[in-house]
């Protein structure tokens, strides 16, 4: 943005603050959608950050299940094969190792079905919204600046009227683009709700497998 434009916008903001410039307000329904969109995007970013910390495998250390399985396997190898403990610990190690495999599948599925689509939204639709929001704010500042000077200059400066009409056209174009974007919010919220359901299904499958493996272990003679 050029220095002249920055100063122009700054003076308009001062006009808002001291009451010399009237602010062009958004329709209340569009404004409500704007606020909802802001909250949705910010919440989704927090969701991705927290879920990534919980779900994504650590490159620095093994999971608890992996460490547990490795420990059990080590104990089984060190235990005399003639003792029942050898079989008990070995079977439990196999059980836990199967759960480790299920954990890895959970991580992959969460990444593919839940986290990646959410990150894609933040990288694309969210940035599109923020750009349109910023463009509309700048167009509003420019429009309000013209409006505040209109009554003084319109009669003495015909070119000012043409400039004002150009600014109105620019504002209306930016507003239309912004409205199209915020009106997609309901669809985005539905998509995210479906991803949450996918996450629940992934967790259910993981716990069902873990329970099945433990029941198999318990059934060993």
Protein backbone atom coordinates (compact mmCIF):
# COMPACT_ATOMS: atom_id res chain seq x y z
CA UNK A 1 0.00 0.00 0.00
CA UNK A 2 1.33 3.44 -0.99
CA UNK A 3 2.30 5.98 1.67
CA UNK A 4 -0.33 8.42 0.44
CA UNK A 5 -3.05 5.81 0.77
CA UNK A 6 -1.87 4.87 4.27
CA UNK A 7 -2.01 8.52 5.38
CA UNK A 8 -5.39 8.91 3.71
CA UNK A 9 -6.78 5.94 5.63
CA UNK A 10 -5.18 7.14 8.85
CA UNK A 11 -6.85 10.54 8.58
CA UNK A 12 -10.20 8.83 8.00
CA UNK A 13 -9.74 6.76 11.16
CA UNK A 14 -9.02 9.97 13.06
CA UNK A 15 -12.22 11.36 11.59
CA UNK A 16 -14.11 8.37 12.97
CA UNK A 17 -12.56 8.88 16.40
CA UNK A 18 -13.39 12.59 16.70
CA UNK A 19 -16.76 12.35 15.04
CA UNK A 20 -16.00 14.26 11.85
CA UNK A 21 -16.39 11.23 9.58
CA UNK A 22 -19.43 8.98 9.49
CA UNK A 23 -18.59 5.30 9.26
CA UNK A 24 -20.30 3.16 6.62
CA UNK A 25 -21.60 0.17 8.56
CA UNK A 26 -22.21 -3.32 7.25
CA UNK A 27 -25.68 -4.78 7.20
CA UNK A 28 -26.23 -6.34 10.65
CA UNK A 29 -26.67 -9.83 9.20
CA UNK A 30 -23.43 -9.58 7.21
CA UNK A 31 -21.66 -8.21 10.27
CA UNK A 32 -22.94 -11.14 12.35
CA UNK A 33 -21.61 -13.57 9.73
CA UNK A 34 -18.28 -11.76 9.74
CA UNK A 35 -17.95 -12.16 13.50
CA UNK A 36 -18.93 -15.84 13.31
CA UNK A 37 -16.42 -16.43 10.52
CA UNK A 38 -13.67 -14.81 12.59
CA UNK A 39 -14.47 -16.98 15.61
CA UNK A 40 -14.75 -20.12 13.47
CA UNK A 41 -11.35 -19.59 11.84
CA UNK A 42 -9.62 -18.79 15.13
CA UNK A 43 -11.19 -21.81 16.84
CA UNK A 44 -10.25 -24.07 13.94
CA UNK A 45 -6.63 -22.90 14.14
CA UNK A 46 -6.58 -23.74 17.87
CA UNK A 47 -8.21 -27.10 17.11
CA UNK A 48 -5.51 -27.96 14.55
CA UNK A 49 -2.69 -26.90 16.88
CA UNK A 50 -3.97 -28.92 19.84
CA UNK A 51 -4.95 -31.99 17.81
CA UNK A 52 -1.59 -32.02 16.04
CA UNK A 53 0.21 -32.07 19.40
CA UNK A 54 -1.93 -34.98 20.59
CA UNK A 55 -2.28 -37.07 17.44
CA UNK A 56 0.87 -36.59 15.39
CA UNK A 57 3.63 -39.10 16.18
CA UNK A 58 6.65 -37.70 17.95
CA UNK A 59 9.96 -38.07 16.16
CA UNK A 60 11.84 -37.75 19.44
CA UNK A 61 10.33 -40.55 21.47
CA UNK A 62 8.14 -43.62 21.24
CA UNK A 63 4.54 -43.60 22.35
CA UNK A 64 3.67 -45.08 25.73
CA UNK A 65 2.23 -48.15 24.03
CA UNK A 66 5.41 -48.64 22.00
CA UNK A 67 7.58 -48.27 25.09
CA UNK A 68 5.30 -50.66 26.99
CA UNK A 69 5.43 -53.25 24.19
CA UNK A 70 9.23 -52.98 23.95
CA UNK A 71 9.57 -53.38 27.72
CA UNK A 72 7.30 -56.44 27.77
CA UNK A 73 9.18 -57.99 24.86
CA UNK A 74 12.48 -57.39 26.66
CA UNK A 75 11.13 -59.02 29.83
CA UNK A 76 9.81 -62.01 27.87
CA UNK A 77 13.20 -62.51 26.22
CA UNK A 78 14.94 -62.41 29.60
CA UNK A 79 12.46 -64.75 31.29
CA UNK A 80 13.12 -68.49 31.41
CA UNK A 81 11.02 -70.14 28.71
CA UNK A 82 9.98 -72.90 31.11
CA UNK A 83 8.16 -70.39 33.32
CA UNK A 84 4.48 -69.50 32.70
CA UNK A 85 5.54 -65.86 33.07
CA UNK A 86 7.41 -66.10 29.76
CA UNK A 87 4.24 -67.00 27.89
CA UNK A 88 2.09 -64.49 29.80
CA UNK A 89 4.42 -61.56 29.20
CA UNK A 90 5.08 -62.58 25.59
CA UNK A 91 1.36 -62.76 24.81
CA UNK A 92 0.77 -59.37 26.44
CA UNK A 93 3.66 -57.92 24.42
CA UNK A 94 2.04 -59.17 21.20
CA UNK A 95 -1.27 -57.70 22.31
CA UNK A 96 0.21 -54.29 23.03
CA UNK A 97 2.23 -54.35 19.80
CA UNK A 98 -1.02 -54.85 17.87
CA UNK A 99 -2.39 -51.80 19.68
CA UNK A 100 0.71 -49.85 18.63
CA UNK A 101 -0.10 -50.70 15.01
CA UNK A 102 -3.65 -49.48 15.63
CA UNK A 103 -2.28 -46.26 17.11
CA UNK A 104 -0.27 -45.62 13.95
CA UNK A 105 -3.40 -46.17 11.86
CA UNK A 106 -5.30 -43.77 14.12
CA UNK A 107 -2.61 -41.14 13.58
CA UNK A 108 -2.67 -41.59 9.80
CA UNK A 109 -6.47 -41.48 9.62
CA UNK A 110 -6.70 -38.41 11.85
CA UNK A 111 -4.10 -36.65 9.71
CA UNK A 112 -5.79 -37.56 6.42
CA UNK A 113 -9.47 -37.20 7.31
CA UNK A 114 -9.45 -34.51 10.00
CA UNK A 115 -6.30 -32.41 10.24
CA UNK A 116 -5.31 -32.02 6.59
CA UNK A 117 -8.75 -30.76 5.45
CA UNK A 118 -8.75 -28.33 8.39
CA UNK A 119 -5.28 -27.04 7.54
CA UNK A 120 -6.29 -26.72 3.89
CA UNK A 121 -9.21 -24.52 4.97
CA UNK A 122 -6.89 -22.27 6.98
CA UNK A 123 -4.46 -22.06 4.07
CA UNK A 124 -7.12 -21.27 1.46
CA UNK A 125 -10.64 -20.25 2.52
CA UNK A 126 -9.49 -18.54 5.72
CA UNK A 127 -6.85 -16.50 3.90
CA UNK A 128 -9.42 -15.65 1.22
CA UNK A 129 -11.76 -14.36 3.94
CA UNK A 130 -9.05 -12.27 5.61
CA UNK A 131 -7.99 -10.77 2.28
CA UNK A 132 -11.58 -9.89 1.36
CA UNK A 133 -12.13 -8.48 4.84
CA UNK A 134 -9.06 -6.28 4.55
CA UNK A 135 -9.98 -5.15 1.02
CA UNK A 136 -13.48 -4.21 2.17
CA UNK A 137 -12.11 -2.29 5.16
CA UNK A 138 -9.79 -0.29 2.90
CA UNK A 139 -12.59 0.40 0.41
CA UNK A 140 -14.80 1.56 3.30
CA UNK A 141 -12.12 3.97 4.52
CA UNK A 142 -11.75 5.40 1.03
CA UNK A 143 -15.51 5.73 0.58
CA UNK A 144 -16.03 7.42 3.94
CA UNK A 145 -13.20 9.84 3.25
CA UNK A 146 -14.90 10.92 0.03
CA UNK A 147 -18.27 11.15 1.72
CA UNK A 148 -16.91 13.43 4.45
CA UNK A 149 -15.65 15.92 1.84
CA UNK A 150 -18.43 15.49 -0.68
CA UNK A 151 -20.69 18.37 0.31
CA UNK A 152 -17.75 20.79 0.33
CA UNK A 153 -16.17 19.82 -2.97
CA UNK A 154 -18.86 18.39 -5.22
CA UNK A 155 -20.13 21.78 -6.41
CA UNK A 156 -16.69 23.24 -7.06
CA UNK A 157 -14.97 20.16 -8.43
CA UNK A 158 -16.72 17.99 -11.02
CA UNK A 159 -13.83 15.51 -11.10
CA UNK A 160 -14.39 14.86 -7.40
CA UNK A 161 -17.88 13.58 -8.20
CA UNK A 162 -16.39 11.17 -10.75
CA UNK A 163 -13.84 10.01 -8.20
CA UNK A 164 -16.59 9.49 -5.67
CA UNK A 165 -18.59 7.38 -8.11
CA UNK A 166 -15.48 5.30 -8.80
CA UNK A 167 -14.95 4.75 -5.08
CA UNK A 168 -18.58 3.71 -4.63
CA UNK A 169 -18.19 1.16 -7.42
CA UNK A 170 -15.03 -0.20 -5.84
CA UNK A 171 -16.70 -0.46 -2.44
CA UNK A 172 -19.74 -2.25 -3.83
CA UNK A 173 -17.53 -4.70 -5.70
CA UNK A 174 -15.50 -5.46 -2.56
CA UNK A 175 -18.67 -5.77 -0.50
CA UNK A 176 -20.19 -8.21 -2.98
CA UNK A 177 -17.05 -10.37 -2.92
CA UNK A 178 -17.02 -10.32 0.88
CA UNK A 179 -20.70 -11.26 1.14
CA UNK A 180 -20.18 -14.23 -1.18
CA UNK A 181 -17.38 -15.50 1.06
CA UNK A 182 -19.10 -15.08 4.44
CA UNK A 183 -22.27 -16.71 3.10
CA UNK A 184 -20.27 -19.92 2.69
CA UNK A 185 -19.75 -20.15 6.46
CA UNK A 186 -22.68 -22.51 7.09
CA UNK A 187 -21.24 -24.98 4.58
CA UNK A 188 -17.80 -24.73 6.19
CA UNK A 189 -19.26 -25.38 9.65
CA UNK A 190 -21.12 -28.43 8.35
CA UNK A 191 -17.92 -29.75 6.77
CA UNK A 192 -16.06 -29.33 10.05
CA UNK A 193 -18.85 -31.10 11.95
CA UNK A 194 -18.47 -34.02 9.55
CA UNK A 195 -14.72 -34.10 10.23
CA UNK A 196 -15.41 -34.27 13.96
CA UNK A 197 -17.71 -37.25 13.32
CA UNK A 198 -14.89 -38.84 11.33
CA UNK A 199 -12.58 -38.31 14.31
CA UNK A 200 -15.09 -40.02 16.60
CA UNK A 201 -15.40 -42.98 14.20
CA UNK A 202 -11.60 -43.30 14.07
CA UNK A 203 -11.39 -43.33 17.87
CA UNK A 204 -14.21 -45.88 18.13
CA UNK A 205 -12.43 -48.22 15.71
CA UNK A 206 -9.18 -47.84 17.63
CA UNK A 207 -10.75 -48.66 20.99
CA UNK A 208 -12.76 -51.55 19.53
CA UNK A 209 -9.55 -53.09 18.21
CA UNK A 210 -7.73 -52.52 21.51
CA UNK A 211 -10.59 -54.13 23.46
CA UNK A 212 -10.64 -57.09 21.07
CA UNK A 213 -6.89 -57.63 21.48
CA UNK A 214 -7.10 -57.50 25.27
CA UNK A 215 -9.98 -59.97 25.25
CA UNK A 216 -7.89 -62.32 23.12
CA UNK A 217 -5.08 -62.01 25.67
CA UNK A 218 -7.43 -62.73 28.57
CA UNK A 219 -8.72 -65.81 26.73
CA UNK A 220 -5.23 -67.35 26.58
CA UNK A 221 -5.02 -70.41 28.89
